[in-house]
Amino acid sequence: MTRPAHRNRPPMIEGVSASCVALPGGGAWPLLVDFLAERLPAVSAAQWRQRMTDGRVLDEQGRSLPPGTPVTAFAPGARVYYYRELDAEPALPFDAQIVFQDAHLIVADKPHFMPVTPTGRYVRNSLLVRLKSATGLETLSPVHRIDRETAGLVLFSVRPQDRGAYQALFRTQAVDKVYEAIAPLRAQGSDRPLPALHRSRIEVDPEQFFRQRETEGEPNSETALELVESRPPHALYRLRPRSGKTHQLRVHMNALGRPIVGDLFYPQVVHGPEAGQDDWTQPLRLLARGLSFLDPVTGAARAFTSQRALDWPDTNAAA
């Protein structure tokens, strides 16, 4: 059975929309804080009590729920709202730019190191929350994703009723996506030429969940490649992915012996996604440069270009 819409969802705070949890019938929780700590254990009971004290846990009428609120005060299925937050969120010393906005779309030009949506160590410093805060548009939703480490264009739908149409563009490969990457000019340990097209099967690495790998089998990924400029020992490449597998461009360039400069996962893991401090001076040299498509809502031809540029690495650095 489909649940009714969240008609009484509390307003967002500094770009953070309220999340909710539904209370089940019965249960052995004398207090609401006990239920929250068990159902959402990433936040401790002490932290939930503090959030309730600060007025960050609300009922369906938007009323603050104090720490002593009993579970019996709610009917089964009642919603409780809360705001996702972190005790110590890393600062990001840069921001995104909006390159286009109308009643249906926002196109943002994202810097390196910023996640598109709240994840891991980042909530308020995610692109989505910053854009919601800047525009006041709580219904804003990303149509597609790019890696936190990748810079460039990200498309957002403004109205919920348009979201499916824009997402279908990416699902049906109706978007021309252009990326740029800086990587070694020549394949490591080989003089093999750059192919015009690389196809392979990409699957999750069973030993490291945050990585992907090429495997035997029917190809499920395809990238067109072009050498744009060479500054030995590096080169600038134009990449056109014709599919949208996770880490596709990073995996393909690595498989071709040309791992993208600054990649912390390929060919070797320097550190995992939640470990280590980001080095702002050494970003992944990968940029989502262009997006073009026929707008399914307005019928207009759309073409957007990132205003960012990749920094060439020190020519004395190892390729």
Protein backbone atom coordinates (compact mmCIF):
# COMPACT_ATOMS: atom_id res chain seq x y z
CA MET A 1 0.00 0.00 0.00
CA THR A 2 1.36 3.41 -0.98
CA ARG A 3 1.87 5.80 1.93
CA PRO A 4 0.24 9.24 1.66
CA ALA A 5 2.41 12.21 0.76
CA HIS A 6 4.21 14.08 3.52
CA ARG A 7 1.74 16.94 3.60
CA ASN A 8 2.99 18.29 6.91
CA ARG A 9 6.73 17.86 6.41
CA PRO A 10 8.55 20.55 8.42
CA PRO A 11 10.46 23.19 6.47
CA MET A 12 14.12 22.71 5.63
CA ILE A 13 16.76 24.31 7.85
CA GLU A 14 19.84 25.79 6.13
CA GLY A 15 19.15 23.63 3.08
CA VAL A 16 18.68 20.39 5.05
CA SER A 17 15.26 18.84 4.48
CA ALA A 18 13.55 16.96 7.28
CA SER A 19 13.86 13.17 7.21
CA CYS A 20 11.25 10.97 8.78
CA VAL A 21 10.71 7.60 10.42
CA ALA A 22 7.37 5.86 10.92
CA LEU A 23 6.55 4.40 14.32
CA PRO A 24 5.48 0.74 14.30
CA GLY A 25 2.69 -0.64 16.39
CA GLY A 26 3.76 -2.16 19.68
CA GLY A 27 7.43 -2.51 20.59
CA ALA A 28 9.39 -2.44 23.81
CA TRP A 29 10.43 1.23 23.79
CA PRO A 30 9.16 3.25 26.73
CA LEU A 31 10.47 6.50 25.26
CA LEU A 32 10.72 7.84 21.71
CA VAL A 33 14.45 8.39 22.20
CA ASP A 34 14.87 4.65 22.85
CA PHE A 35 13.10 3.80 19.59
CA LEU A 36 15.18 6.32 17.60
CA ALA A 37 18.46 5.04 19.05
CA GLU A 38 17.54 1.45 18.12
CA ARG A 39 16.06 2.15 14.69
CA LEU A 40 18.74 4.69 13.66
CA PRO A 41 21.84 3.51 15.57
CA ALA A 42 24.29 5.72 13.67
CA VAL A 43 23.14 8.40 16.14
CA SER A 44 23.61 7.51 19.81
CA ALA A 45 20.89 7.83 22.44
CA ALA A 46 22.78 10.76 23.96
CA GLN A 47 22.89 12.50 20.59
CA TRP A 48 19.17 11.91 20.04
CA ARG A 49 18.43 13.40 23.46
CA GLN A 50 20.47 16.47 22.54
CA ARG A 51 18.70 16.83 19.20
CA MET A 52 15.34 16.62 20.97
CA THR A 53 16.47 19.20 23.51
CA ASP A 54 17.51 21.47 20.62
CA GLY A 55 14.09 21.14 18.97
CA ARG A 56 15.39 19.08 16.03
CA VAL A 57 12.89 16.21 16.40
CA LEU A 58 9.29 17.05 15.48
CA ASP A 59 5.87 15.46 15.18
CA GLU A 60 3.58 15.64 12.14
CA GLN A 61 2.25 19.01 13.29
CA GLY A 62 5.76 20.45 13.48
CA ARG A 63 5.86 20.47 17.28
CA SER A 64 9.15 19.81 19.06
CA LEU A 65 9.34 16.49 20.89
CA PRO A 66 11.29 16.64 24.19
CA PRO A 67 13.53 13.75 25.35
CA GLY A 68 10.89 12.44 27.75
CA THR A 69 8.27 11.84 25.02
CA PRO A 70 6.73 8.33 25.42
CA VAL A 71 6.17 6.09 22.40
CA THR A 72 2.58 5.59 23.57
CA ALA A 73 1.89 9.22 22.66
CA PHE A 74 1.75 8.16 18.98
CA ALA A 75 -0.57 6.01 16.92
CA PRO A 76 1.03 3.19 14.89
CA GLY A 77 2.36 4.56 11.60
CA ALA A 78 2.76 8.11 12.89
CA ARG A 79 5.71 9.96 11.43
CA VAL A 80 8.48 11.55 13.44
CA TYR A 81 10.69 14.09 11.66
CA TYR A 82 14.34 14.89 12.29
CA TYR A 83 17.18 16.78 10.61
CA ARG A 84 20.29 14.95 9.55
CA GLU A 85 23.41 16.58 10.96
CA LEU A 86 27.00 15.77 11.88
CA ASP A 87 28.87 16.72 15.02
CA ALA A 88 32.01 17.65 13.09
CA GLU A 89 31.62 18.12 9.34
CA PRO A 90 34.77 18.90 7.32
CA ALA A 91 34.82 22.35 5.77
CA LEU A 92 35.15 22.68 2.00
CA PRO A 93 37.07 25.83 0.99
CA PHE A 94 35.28 26.28 -2.35
CA ASP A 95 31.78 26.42 -3.78
CA ALA A 96 29.72 25.45 -6.80
CA GLN A 97 28.32 27.85 -9.37
CA ILE A 98 24.89 27.79 -10.97
CA VAL A 99 25.38 28.00 -14.75
CA PHE A 100 21.68 27.73 -15.68
CA GLN A 101 18.34 28.00 -13.91
CA ASP A 102 14.72 28.08 -15.05
CA ALA A 103 11.41 26.76 -13.72
CA HIS A 104 12.40 23.16 -14.49
CA LEU A 105 16.17 22.83 -14.27
CA ILE A 106 19.23 23.95 -12.38
CA VAL A 107 22.65 23.11 -13.77
CA ALA A 108 25.48 23.43 -11.26
CA ASP A 109 29.22 23.47 -11.87
CA LYS A 110 30.62 21.41 -9.00
CA PRO A 111 34.16 21.65 -7.59
CA HIS A 112 36.31 18.64 -6.81
CA PHE A 113 35.84 16.99 -3.38
CA MET A 114 32.17 17.98 -2.97
CA PRO A 115 29.58 15.16 -2.89
CA VAL A 116 26.41 15.66 -4.88
CA THR A 117 24.14 14.47 -2.04
CA PRO A 118 24.63 14.10 1.73
CA THR A 119 26.85 11.11 2.39
CA GLY A 120 29.49 9.99 4.84
CA ARG A 121 31.21 12.98 6.40
CA TYR A 122 29.20 15.58 4.46
CA VAL A 123 25.68 16.95 4.87
CA ARG A 124 25.61 20.76 4.76
CA ASN A 125 28.67 20.80 2.49
CA SER A 126 27.05 18.55 -0.11
CA LEU A 127 26.09 20.17 -3.41
CA LEU A 128 22.37 19.44 -2.97
CA VAL A 129 22.14 21.04 0.48
CA ARG A 130 24.17 24.08 -0.55
CA LEU A 131 21.93 24.61 -3.59
CA LYS A 132 18.76 24.21 -1.54
CA SER A 133 20.07 26.72 0.96
CA ALA A 134 21.07 29.20 -1.76
CA THR A 135 17.86 28.93 -3.81
CA GLY A 136 15.26 28.08 -1.16
CA LEU A 137 14.02 25.27 -3.43
CA GLU A 138 13.27 22.32 -1.16
CA THR A 139 12.01 20.18 -4.07
CA LEU A 140 15.40 20.31 -5.82
CA SER A 141 16.63 16.82 -6.74
CA PRO A 142 19.69 15.56 -8.67
CA VAL A 143 18.86 13.90 -11.97
CA HIS A 144 22.21 12.07 -12.11
CA ARG A 145 25.39 11.82 -10.05
CA ILE A 146 29.11 12.29 -10.50
CA ASP A 147 31.77 11.18 -8.03
CA ARG A 148 32.71 13.41 -5.12
CA GLU A 149 36.23 13.52 -6.54
CA THR A 150 35.05 14.63 -10.00
CA ALA A 151 34.37 18.28 -10.87
CA GLY A 152 31.90 19.64 -13.38
CA LEU A 153 28.27 19.73 -14.40
CA VAL A 154 25.38 18.23 -12.44
CA LEU A 155 21.74 18.51 -13.50
CA PHE A 156 18.93 19.05 -10.96
CA SER A 157 15.17 18.99 -11.49
CA VAL A 158 13.20 21.75 -9.76
CA ARG A 159 9.73 20.18 -9.82
CA PRO A 160 8.99 16.63 -8.62
CA GLN A 161 6.67 16.04 -11.59
CA ASP A 162 9.54 16.65 -14.05
CA ARG A 163 12.12 14.46 -12.33
CA GLY A 164 11.23 11.17 -14.02
CA ALA A 165 11.41 12.67 -17.52
CA TYR A 166 14.89 14.07 -16.94
CA GLN A 167 16.13 10.88 -15.28
CA ALA A 168 14.90 8.91 -18.29
CA LEU A 169 17.29 10.90 -20.50
CA PHE A 170 20.26 9.40 -18.67
CA ARG A 171 18.70 5.95 -18.34
CA THR A 172 18.10 5.76 -22.12
CA GLN A 173 21.49 7.31 -22.98
CA ALA A 174 19.83 10.32 -24.61
CA VAL A 175 22.34 12.76 -23.10
CA ASP A 176 25.64 13.58 -24.80
CA LYS A 177 28.12 13.63 -21.90
CA VAL A 178 31.61 15.01 -22.45
CA TYR A 179 34.39 14.65 -19.89
CA GLU A 180 38.01 15.72 -19.82
CA ALA A 181 40.79 13.89 -18.03
CA ILE A 182 44.52 14.27 -17.58
CA ALA A 183 46.42 11.00 -17.56
CA PRO A 184 49.71 9.54 -18.82
CA LEU A 185 50.36 10.15 -22.51
CA ARG A 186 51.43 6.57 -23.06
CA ALA A 187 50.17 3.34 -21.59
CA GLN A 188 52.28 2.24 -18.66
CA GLY A 189 54.83 -0.34 -19.75
CA SER A 190 53.57 -0.29 -23.33
CA ASP A 191 53.39 1.79 -26.49
CA ARG A 192 49.91 0.56 -27.39
CA PRO A 193 47.86 3.32 -29.06
CA LEU A 194 44.75 4.84 -27.56
CA PRO A 195 41.65 3.11 -28.96
CA ALA A 196 38.80 5.20 -30.28
CA LEU A 197 36.34 3.10 -28.30
CA HIS A 198 36.68 0.95 -25.19
CA ARG A 199 34.01 -1.55 -24.17
CA SER A 200 34.08 -3.87 -21.17
CA ARG A 201 32.06 -5.45 -18.40
CA ILE A 202 32.31 -3.53 -15.12
CA GLU A 203 31.25 -5.02 -11.80
CA VAL A 204 31.77 -4.23 -8.12
CA ASP A 205 35.10 -5.43 -6.75
CA PRO A 206 34.10 -8.16 -4.26
CA GLU A 207 37.14 -7.42 -2.09
CA GLN A 208 36.71 -3.62 -1.93
CA PHE A 209 33.09 -2.48 -2.16
CA PHE A 210 34.00 1.10 -3.12
CA ARG A 211 35.93 0.02 -6.24
CA GLN A 212 34.84 -1.41 -9.57
CA ARG A 213 36.71 -3.80 -11.83
CA GLU A 214 36.60 -5.14 -15.37
CA THR A 215 35.55 -8.78 -15.66
CA GLU A 216 34.89 -11.34 -18.35
CA GLY A 217 31.46 -11.36 -19.93
CA GLU A 218 29.07 -9.31 -22.02
CA PRO A 219 30.18 -5.63 -22.05
CA ASN A 220 27.95 -3.29 -20.07
CA SER A 221 30.04 -0.12 -20.48
CA GLU A 222 31.33 1.87 -23.42
CA THR A 223 33.50 4.99 -23.69
CA ALA A 224 34.67 6.91 -26.76
CA LEU A 225 38.18 8.37 -26.29
CA GLU A 226 40.16 11.12 -27.99
CA LEU A 227 43.59 12.61 -27.35
CA VAL A 228 43.20 16.41 -27.23
CA GLU A 229 46.58 17.76 -26.11
CA SER A 230 49.91 16.30 -25.03
CA ARG A 231 52.35 17.73 -22.52
CA PRO A 232 54.66 14.78 -21.93
CA PRO A 233 54.54 12.78 -19.81
CA HIS A 234 50.83 13.67 -19.56
CA ALA A 235 47.98 14.28 -21.96
CA LEU A 236 44.50 15.77 -21.96
CA TYR A 237 41.82 13.33 -23.11
CA ARG A 238 38.22 13.89 -24.16
CA LEU A 239 35.97 11.07 -22.97
CA ARG A 240 32.39 10.40 -24.02
CA PRO A 241 30.77 7.68 -21.89
CA ARG A 242 27.90 5.99 -23.69
CA SER A 243 26.83 4.22 -20.53
CA GLY A 244 26.79 5.26 -16.90
CA LYS A 245 28.50 2.62 -14.78
CA THR A 246 30.02 3.67 -11.45
CA HIS A 247 33.64 4.87 -11.88
CA GLN A 248 33.39 3.95 -15.57
CA LEU A 249 35.90 6.49 -16.89
CA ARG A 250 38.35 5.82 -14.07
CA VAL A 251 38.14 2.06 -14.64
CA HIS A 252 38.48 2.35 -18.42
CA MET A 253 41.45 4.71 -18.32
CA ASN A 254 43.17 2.48 -15.79
CA ALA A 255 42.50 -0.60 -17.95
CA LEU A 256 44.14 1.22 -20.88
CA GLY A 257 47.29 1.80 -18.82
CA ARG A 258 46.50 5.49 -18.40
CA PRO A 259 45.14 5.96 -14.85
CA ILE A 260 43.76 9.45 -14.30
CA VAL A 261 46.12 11.70 -12.35
CA GLY A 262 45.10 12.04 -8.72
CA ASP A 263 43.01 8.85 -8.62
CA LEU A 264 43.10 7.39 -5.10
CA PHE A 265 41.38 4.12 -6.07
CA TYR A 266 42.94 3.10 -9.40
CA PRO A 267 45.28 1.39 -10.01
CA GLN A 268 46.07 1.15 -6.29
CA VAL A 269 44.00 2.21 -3.29
CA VAL A 270 45.75 5.06 -1.49
CA HIS A 271 42.99 5.23 1.10
CA GLY A 272 39.28 4.40 1.27
CA PRO A 273 36.43 6.87 0.74
CA GLU A 274 36.05 7.74 4.43
CA ALA A 275 39.71 7.62 5.47
CA GLY A 276 42.43 10.22 5.28
CA GLN A 277 42.39 13.98 4.78
CA ASP A 278 41.74 15.36 1.30
CA ASP A 279 44.67 17.11 -0.32
CA TRP A 280 43.07 20.11 -2.02
CA THR A 281 46.19 20.55 -4.20
CA GLN A 282 45.92 17.08 -5.73
CA PRO A 283 42.40 16.56 -7.10
CA LEU A 284 41.37 13.82 -9.45
CA ARG A 285 42.00 15.30 -12.90
CA LEU A 286 38.52 14.47 -14.19
CA LEU A 287 35.97 17.08 -15.26
CA ALA A 288 32.38 16.71 -16.46
CA ARG A 289 32.82 19.31 -19.20
CA GLY A 290 29.58 19.21 -21.19
CA LEU A 291 25.96 18.05 -21.20
CA SER A 292 23.60 18.34 -24.18
CA PHE A 293 20.15 16.90 -24.79
CA LEU A 294 16.65 17.66 -26.01
CA ASP A 295 14.63 18.88 -23.03
CA PRO A 296 11.73 16.42 -22.56
CA VAL A 297 9.62 19.00 -20.71
CA THR A 298 10.07 22.17 -22.80
CA GLY A 299 11.24 20.66 -26.10
CA ALA A 300 14.25 23.03 -26.18
CA ALA A 301 17.71 21.93 -27.26
CA ARG A 302 19.96 22.21 -24.20
CA ALA A 303 23.76 22.48 -24.16
CA PHE A 304 25.81 23.34 -21.09
CA THR A 305 29.57 23.72 -20.59
CA SER A 306 31.59 23.76 -17.39
CA GLN A 307 33.63 26.89 -16.77
CA ARG A 308 36.21 24.95 -14.76
CA ALA A 309 39.59 23.79 -16.02
CA LEU A 310 41.84 20.93 -15.01
CA ASP A 311 45.25 21.84 -13.61
CA TRP A 312 48.13 20.13 -15.33
CA PRO A 313 50.32 18.22 -12.88
CA ASP A 314 53.93 19.17 -12.20
CA THR A 315 55.93 17.99 -15.21
CA ASN A 316 58.55 16.70 -12.80
CA ALA A 317 56.01 14.41 -11.13
CA ALA A 318 55.94 10.76 -12.02
CA ALA A 319 53.47 9.76 -14.68
